């Protein structure tokens, strides 16, 4: 785990923000598994509506990986403190723009969740 020298302010803000984050809405259908899931926009909506009031935000950084999409989500606080959630890597199974985009979206959603 990577983080700023101190995360005191960030940790306090997270403690206050977490109860106000509602679960992402599982409003998309996955016909392959006959189930519902929360897509990336549902996940971001659940988070983005709650964290700014506590001085929190996040960025998602893409990393180069051969045959994979790799995303690192970094939680930021208004104080300048930050906390990296590590890198989530999702294999690219179809080697074209659609395959890479799909893996990137999965990696962003998994990392943010």
C-alpha atoms as a PDB file:
ATOM      1  CA  UNK A   1       0.000   0.000   0.000  1.00  0.00           C
ATOM      2  CA  UNK A   2       1.290   3.431  -0.916  1.00  0.00           C
ATOM      3  CA  UNK A   3       0.197   6.524   0.971  1.00  0.00           C
ATOM      4  CA  UNK A   4       1.223  10.004   1.964  1.00  0.00           C
ATOM      5  CA  UNK A   5       3.394  10.366   5.087  1.00  0.00           C
ATOM      6  CA  UNK A   6       0.262  10.963   7.137  1.00  0.00           C
ATOM      7  CA  UNK A   7      -3.323   9.875   6.462  1.00  0.00           C
ATOM      8  CA  UNK A   8      -4.822  11.229   9.682  1.00  0.00           C
ATOM      9  CA  UNK A   9      -7.133  13.744   7.971  1.00  0.00           C
ATOM     10  CA  UNK A  10      -7.982  11.358   5.144  1.00  0.00           C
ATOM     11  CA  UNK A  11      -8.821   8.526   7.546  1.00  0.00           C
ATOM     12  CA  UNK A  12     -11.074  10.797   9.604  1.00  0.00           C
ATOM     13  CA  UNK A  13     -12.876  11.951   6.466  1.00  0.00           C
ATOM     14  CA  UNK A  14     -13.346   8.351   5.301  1.00  0.00           C
ATOM     15  CA  UNK A  15     -14.868   7.394   8.659  1.00  0.00           C
ATOM     16  CA  UNK A  16     -17.396  10.203   8.229  1.00  0.00           C
ATOM     17  CA  UNK A  17     -18.044   9.552   4.510  1.00  0.00           C
ATOM     18  CA  UNK A  18     -18.486   5.776   4.483  1.00  0.00           C
ATOM     19  CA  UNK A  19     -21.904   5.679   6.205  1.00  0.00           C
ATOM     20  CA  UNK A  20     -23.278   8.064   3.573  1.00  0.00           C
ATOM     21  CA  UNK A  21     -22.160   5.917   0.624  1.00  0.00           C
ATOM     22  CA  UNK A  22     -25.085   3.849  -0.559  1.00  0.00           C
ATOM     23  CA  UNK A  23     -24.612   0.573  -2.382  1.00  0.00           C
ATOM     24  CA  UNK A  24     -24.305   0.798  -6.148  1.00  0.00           C
ATOM     25  CA  UNK A  25     -27.538  -0.061  -7.933  1.00  0.00           C
ATOM     26  CA  UNK A  26     -27.447  -3.452  -9.642  1.00  0.00           C
ATOM     27  CA  UNK A  27     -29.490  -2.318 -12.620  1.00  0.00           C
ATOM     28  CA  UNK A  28     -27.717  -4.059 -15.506  1.00  0.00           C
ATOM     29  CA  UNK A  29     -28.390  -7.595 -16.704  1.00  0.00           C
ATOM     30  CA  UNK A  30     -25.694 -10.193 -17.332  1.00  0.00           C
ATOM     31  CA  UNK A  31     -27.333 -12.717 -19.660  1.00  0.00           C
ATOM     32  CA  UNK A  32     -24.358 -15.100 -19.481  1.00  0.00           C
ATOM     33  CA  UNK A  33     -24.870 -15.642 -15.741  1.00  0.00           C
ATOM     34  CA  UNK A  34     -28.570 -14.672 -15.579  1.00  0.00           C
ATOM     35  CA  UNK A  35     -27.828 -12.093 -12.904  1.00  0.00           C
ATOM     36  CA  UNK A  36     -27.827  -8.360 -12.301  1.00  0.00           C
ATOM     37  CA  UNK A  37     -24.757  -6.216 -11.688  1.00  0.00           C
ATOM     38  CA  UNK A  38     -23.750  -2.628 -10.958  1.00  0.00           C
ATOM     39  CA  UNK A  39     -21.967  -1.068 -13.906  1.00  0.00           C
ATOM     40  CA  UNK A  40     -19.206   1.537 -13.645  1.00  0.00           C
ATOM     41  CA  UNK A  41     -21.607   4.484 -13.734  1.00  0.00           C
ATOM     42  CA  UNK A  42     -23.655   3.016 -10.852  1.00  0.00           C
ATOM     43  CA  UNK A  43     -20.494   2.565  -8.792  1.00  0.00           C
ATOM     44  CA  UNK A  44     -19.235   6.092  -9.498  1.00  0.00           C
ATOM     45  CA  UNK A  45     -22.673   7.617  -8.778  1.00  0.00           C
ATOM     46  CA  UNK A  46     -22.823   5.897  -5.390  1.00  0.00           C
ATOM     47  CA  UNK A  47     -19.401   7.228  -4.430  1.00  0.00           C
ATOM     48  CA  UNK A  48     -19.424  10.638  -6.128  1.00  0.00           C
ATOM     49  CA  UNK A  49     -22.642  11.687  -4.410  1.00  0.00           C
ATOM     50  CA  UNK A  50     -21.196  11.141  -0.922  1.00  0.00           C
ATOM     51  CA  UNK A  51     -17.476  11.881  -0.743  1.00  0.00           C
ATOM     52  CA  UNK A  52     -17.036  15.543  -1.812  1.00  0.00           C
ATOM     53  CA  UNK A  53     -18.826  16.811   1.319  1.00  0.00           C
ATOM     54  CA  UNK A  54     -15.980  15.257   3.330  1.00  0.00           C
ATOM     55  CA  UNK A  55     -13.136  16.736   1.306  1.00  0.00           C
ATOM     56  CA  UNK A  56     -12.543  13.461  -0.540  1.00  0.00           C
ATOM     57  CA  UNK A  57     -12.089  12.606  -4.192  1.00  0.00           C
ATOM     58  CA  UNK A  58     -10.250   9.992  -6.216  1.00  0.00           C
ATOM     59  CA  UNK A  59      -8.315   9.545  -9.426  1.00  0.00           C
ATOM     60  CA  UNK A  60      -7.840   6.406 -11.454  1.00  0.00           C
ATOM     61  CA  UNK A  61      -4.449   5.986 -13.088  1.00  0.00           C
ATOM     62  CA  UNK A  62      -3.818   3.568 -15.932  1.00  0.00           C
ATOM     63  CA  UNK A  63      -0.596   1.527 -15.906  1.00  0.00           C
ATOM     64  CA  UNK A  64       1.081  -0.215 -18.843  1.00  0.00           C
ATOM     65  CA  UNK A  65       0.718  -3.981 -18.789  1.00  0.00           C
ATOM     66  CA  UNK A  66       1.113  -6.379 -21.671  1.00  0.00           C
ATOM     67  CA  UNK A  67      -2.222  -7.979 -22.610  1.00  0.00           C
ATOM     68  CA  UNK A  68      -3.991  -6.434 -19.607  1.00  0.00           C
ATOM     69  CA  UNK A  69      -5.716  -3.300 -18.365  1.00  0.00           C
ATOM     70  CA  UNK A  70      -4.244  -2.087 -15.078  1.00  0.00           C
ATOM     71  CA  UNK A  71      -5.879   0.612 -12.953  1.00  0.00           C
ATOM     72  CA  UNK A  72      -4.785   2.168  -9.669  1.00  0.00           C
ATOM     73  CA  UNK A  73      -7.391   4.083  -7.671  1.00  0.00           C
ATOM     74  CA  UNK A  74      -5.944   6.798  -5.437  1.00  0.00           C
ATOM     75  CA  UNK A  75      -8.128   8.360  -2.749  1.00  0.00           C
ATOM     76  CA  UNK A  76      -7.367  12.055  -2.235  1.00  0.00           C
ATOM     77  CA  UNK A  77      -8.166  14.402   0.646  1.00  0.00           C
ATOM     78  CA  UNK A  78      -8.368  18.199   0.587  1.00  0.00           C
ATOM     79  CA  UNK A  79      -5.422  18.278   3.032  1.00  0.00           C
ATOM     80  CA  UNK A  80      -3.152  16.802   0.345  1.00  0.00           C
ATOM     81  CA  UNK A  81      -3.091  13.356   1.944  1.00  0.00           C
ATOM     82  CA  UNK A  82      -3.600  10.372  -0.326  1.00  0.00           C
ATOM     83  CA  UNK A  83      -3.936   6.603  -0.236  1.00  0.00           C
ATOM     84  CA  UNK A  84      -3.371   4.195  -3.122  1.00  0.00           C
ATOM     85  CA  UNK A  85      -5.658   1.184  -3.238  1.00  0.00           C
ATOM     86  CA  UNK A  86      -3.117  -0.806  -5.283  1.00  0.00           C
ATOM     87  CA  UNK A  87      -3.283  -1.877  -8.906  1.00  0.00           C
ATOM     88  CA  UNK A  88      -6.101  -4.031 -10.265  1.00  0.00           C
ATOM     89  CA  UNK A  89      -5.186  -5.922 -13.426  1.00  0.00           C
ATOM     90  CA  UNK A  90      -7.745  -7.446 -15.799  1.00  0.00           C
ATOM     91  CA  UNK A  91      -6.622  -9.554 -18.770  1.00  0.00           C
ATOM     92  CA  UNK A  92      -7.470  -8.356 -22.270  1.00  0.00           C
ATOM     93  CA  UNK A  93      -8.963 -11.419 -23.945  1.00  0.00           C
ATOM     94  CA  UNK A  94      -9.858  -9.849 -27.279  1.00  0.00           C
ATOM     95  CA  UNK A  95      -6.946  -7.878 -28.712  1.00  0.00           C
ATOM     96  CA  UNK A  96      -8.735  -4.948 -30.299  1.00  0.00           C
ATOM     97  CA  UNK A  97     -10.108  -1.598 -29.113  1.00  0.00           C
ATOM     98  CA  UNK A  98     -13.339  -3.153 -27.824  1.00  0.00           C
ATOM     99  CA  UNK A  99     -11.494  -5.852 -25.874  1.00  0.00           C
ATOM    100  CA  UNK A 100      -9.105  -3.355 -24.303  1.00  0.00           C
ATOM    101  CA  UNK A 101     -11.944  -0.920 -23.503  1.00  0.00           C
ATOM    102  CA  UNK A 102     -13.965  -3.680 -21.881  1.00  0.00           C
ATOM    103  CA  UNK A 103     -11.023  -4.807 -19.719  1.00  0.00           C
ATOM    104  CA  UNK A 104     -10.298  -1.186 -18.773  1.00  0.00           C
ATOM    105  CA  UNK A 105     -13.925  -0.612 -17.697  1.00  0.00           C
ATOM    106  CA  UNK A 106     -13.900  -3.825 -15.639  1.00  0.00           C
ATOM    107  CA  UNK A 107     -10.603  -2.802 -13.993  1.00  0.00           C
ATOM    108  CA  UNK A 108     -11.927   0.689 -13.165  1.00  0.00           C
ATOM    109  CA  UNK A 109     -15.137  -0.733 -11.662  1.00  0.00           C
ATOM    110  CA  UNK A 110     -13.366  -3.427  -9.645  1.00  0.00           C
ATOM    111  CA  UNK A 111     -10.709  -1.022  -8.400  1.00  0.00           C
ATOM    112  CA  UNK A 112     -13.250   1.593  -7.341  1.00  0.00           C
ATOM    113  CA  UNK A 113     -15.529  -0.948  -5.712  1.00  0.00           C
END
